[in-house]
C-alpha atoms as a PDB file:
ATOM      1  CA  MET A   1     -28.403 -66.437-136.185  1.00  0.00           C
ATOM      2  CA  LEU A   2     -26.195 -64.648-138.723  1.00  0.00           C
ATOM      3  CA  VAL A   3     -22.493 -65.526-138.738  1.00  0.00           C
ATOM      4  CA  PRO A   4     -20.198 -63.175-140.690  1.00  0.00           C
ATOM      5  CA  TYR A   5     -17.763 -64.694-143.153  1.00  0.00           C
ATOM      6  CA  THR A   6     -14.184 -64.288-141.910  1.00  0.00           C
ATOM      7  CA  GLY A   7     -12.222 -66.410-144.394  1.00  0.00           C
ATOM      8  CA  ALA A   8      -9.896 -65.285-147.160  1.00  0.00           C
ATOM      9  CA  GLY A   9     -11.490 -62.526-149.202  1.00  0.00           C
ATOM     10  CA  GLY A  10     -13.623 -61.393-146.302  1.00  0.00           C
ATOM     11  CA  MET A  11     -13.868 -57.864-144.976  1.00  0.00           C
ATOM     12  CA  GLY A  12     -10.255 -57.767-143.827  1.00  0.00           C
ATOM     13  CA  LEU A  13      -8.751 -58.646-147.234  1.00  0.00           C
ATOM     14  CA  ARG A  14     -11.089 -56.717-149.514  1.00  0.00           C
ATOM     15  CA  CYS A  15      -8.436 -54.196-150.610  1.00  0.00           C
ATOM     16  CA  CYS A  16      -6.179 -56.985-151.884  1.00  0.00           C
ATOM     17  CA  HIS A  17      -8.958 -58.742-153.817  1.00  0.00           C
ATOM     18  CA  ARG A  18      -8.563 -56.531-156.881  1.00  0.00           C
ATOM     19  CA  PHE A  19      -4.986 -57.715-157.343  1.00  0.00           C
ATOM     20  CA  LYS A  20      -6.002 -61.365-157.481  1.00  0.00           C
ATOM     21  CA  SER A  21      -6.433 -62.753-160.949  1.00  0.00           C
ATOM     22  CA  SER A  22      -8.706 -65.664-161.637  1.00  0.00           C
ATOM     23  CA  THR A  23      -6.944 -66.417-164.945  1.00  0.00           C
ATOM     24  CA  MET A  24      -3.335 -67.288-165.559  1.00  0.00           C
ATOM     25  CA  VAL A  25      -1.537 -64.691-167.672  1.00  0.00           C
ATOM     26  CA  GLU A  26       1.386 -65.770-169.798  1.00  0.00           C
ATOM     27  CA  THR A  27       4.343 -63.506-169.000  1.00  0.00           C
ATOM     28  CA  ARG A  28       6.983 -64.845-171.380  1.00  0.00           C
ATOM     29  CA  ILE A  29       8.039 -62.871-174.440  1.00  0.00           C
ATOM     30  CA  LYS A  30       6.443 -64.480-177.469  1.00  0.00           C
ATOM     31  CA  PRO A  31       8.003 -64.841-180.893  1.00  0.00           C
ATOM     32  CA  TYR A  32       6.907 -62.152-183.349  1.00  0.00           C
ATOM     33  CA  LEU A  33       5.107 -64.548-185.685  1.00  0.00           C
ATOM     34  CA  GLN A  34       3.093 -66.072-182.843  1.00  0.00           C
ATOM     35  CA  GLU A  35       2.154 -62.641-181.516  1.00  0.00           C
ATOM     36  CA  ALA A  36       1.181 -61.414-184.999  1.00  0.00           C
ATOM     37  CA  GLU A  37      -0.946 -64.534-185.473  1.00  0.00           C
ATOM     38  CA  GLU A  38      -2.704 -63.918-182.161  1.00  0.00           C
ATOM     39  CA  ILE A  39      -3.356 -60.287-183.086  1.00  0.00           C
ATOM     40  CA  THR A  40      -4.912 -61.274-186.435  1.00  0.00           C
ATOM     41  CA  ARG A  41      -6.982 -63.995-184.740  1.00  0.00           C
ATOM     42  CA  ARG A  42      -8.188 -61.517-182.125  1.00  0.00           C
ATOM     43  CA  ALA A  43      -9.048 -58.967-184.848  1.00  0.00           C
ATOM     44  CA  GLU A  44     -11.065 -61.633-186.693  1.00  0.00           C
ATOM     45  CA  GLN A  45     -12.876 -62.556-183.475  1.00  0.00           C
ATOM     46  CA  THR A  46     -13.696 -58.895-182.855  1.00  0.00           C
ATOM     47  CA  ARG A  47     -14.976 -58.465-186.430  1.00  0.00           C
ATOM     48  CA  VAL A  48     -17.249 -61.517-186.122  1.00  0.00           C
ATOM     49  CA  PHE A  49     -18.446 -60.360-182.698  1.00  0.00           C
ATOM     50  CA  ARG A  50     -19.332 -56.876-184.031  1.00  0.00           C
ATOM     51  CA  ARG A  51     -21.100 -58.426-187.045  1.00  0.00           C
ATOM     52  CA  ASN A  52     -23.147 -60.668-184.756  1.00  0.00           C
ATOM     53  CA  GLN A  53     -23.996 -57.686-182.552  1.00  0.00           C
ATOM     54  CA  ALA A  54     -25.252 -55.731-185.574  1.00  0.00           C
ATOM     55  CA  ILE A  55     -27.324 -58.685-186.790  1.00  0.00           C
ATOM     56  CA  GLY A  56     -28.798 -59.091-183.316  1.00  0.00           C
ATOM     57  CA  LEU A  57     -29.749 -55.421-183.114  1.00  0.00           C
ATOM     58  CA  VAL A  58     -31.419 -55.602-186.525  1.00  0.00           C
ATOM     59  CA  LEU A  59     -33.356 -58.691-185.440  1.00  0.00           C
ATOM     60  CA  VAL A  60     -34.522 -56.958-182.268  1.00  0.00           C
ATOM     61  CA  ALA A  61     -35.603 -53.909-184.274  1.00  0.00           C
ATOM     62  CA  VAL A  62     -37.530 -56.114-186.715  1.00  0.00           C
ATOM     63  CA  ALA A  63     -39.203 -57.949-183.839  1.00  0.00           C
ATOM     64  CA  ILE A  64     -40.263 -54.631-182.273  1.00  0.00           C
ATOM     65  CA  LEU A  65     -41.593 -53.406-185.621  1.00  0.00           C
ATOM     66  CA  ILE A  66     -43.576 -56.609-186.199  1.00  0.00           C
ATOM     67  CA  PHE A  67     -44.973 -56.462-182.660  1.00  0.00           C
ATOM     68  CA  TRP A  68     -45.939 -52.820-183.184  1.00  0.00           C
ATOM     69  CA  LEU A  69     -47.624 -53.585-186.526  1.00  0.00           C
ATOM     70  CA  PHE A  70     -49.681 -56.449-185.102  1.00  0.00           C
ATOM     71  CA  ARG A  71     -50.701 -54.605-181.929  1.00  0.00           C
ATOM     72  CA  THR A  72     -51.648 -51.286-183.556  1.00  0.00           C
ATOM     73  CA  ASN A  73     -55.014 -50.470-185.059  1.00  0.00           C
ATOM     74  CA  PRO A  74     -54.666 -51.112-188.843  1.00  0.00           C
ATOM     75  CA  LYS A  75     -56.648 -47.948-189.592  1.00  0.00           C
ATOM     76  CA  TRP A  76     -53.917 -45.875-187.937  1.00  0.00           C
ATOM     77  CA  ILE A  77     -51.189 -47.409-190.074  1.00  0.00           C
ATOM     78  CA  PHE A  78     -53.145 -47.736-193.330  1.00  0.00           C
ATOM     79  CA  PRO A  79     -55.879 -45.093-193.465  1.00  0.00           C
ATOM     80  CA  PRO A  80     -58.629 -45.563-196.071  1.00  0.00           C
ATOM     81  CA  GLY A  81     -57.377 -44.635-199.547  1.00  0.00           C
ATOM     82  CA  TRP A  82     -53.669 -44.571-198.645  1.00  0.00           C
ATOM     83  CA  TRP A  83     -52.745 -46.502-201.789  1.00  0.00           C
ATOM     84  CA  ARG A  84     -54.637 -44.105-204.133  1.00  0.00           C
ATOM     85  CA  PRO A  85     -53.943 -40.364-204.330  1.00  0.00           C
END
């Protein structure tokens, strides 16, 4: 037997769900120095995140290349006499 959920957030309140926030947002006006410090901290976090993303993509590319090199026939990659003209 299937019983539909009828509590808060059910079918009747779905349109209002997007206005709920699961995190508390600070609404007070912050001092300039505190806000500037938060902006610089956030910029540093973003820079580190982008750097880590780039490193991760390079690692994935290297892993794919190594997998390709080990799984491919060596004669296709290095044909006889490839090191001598």
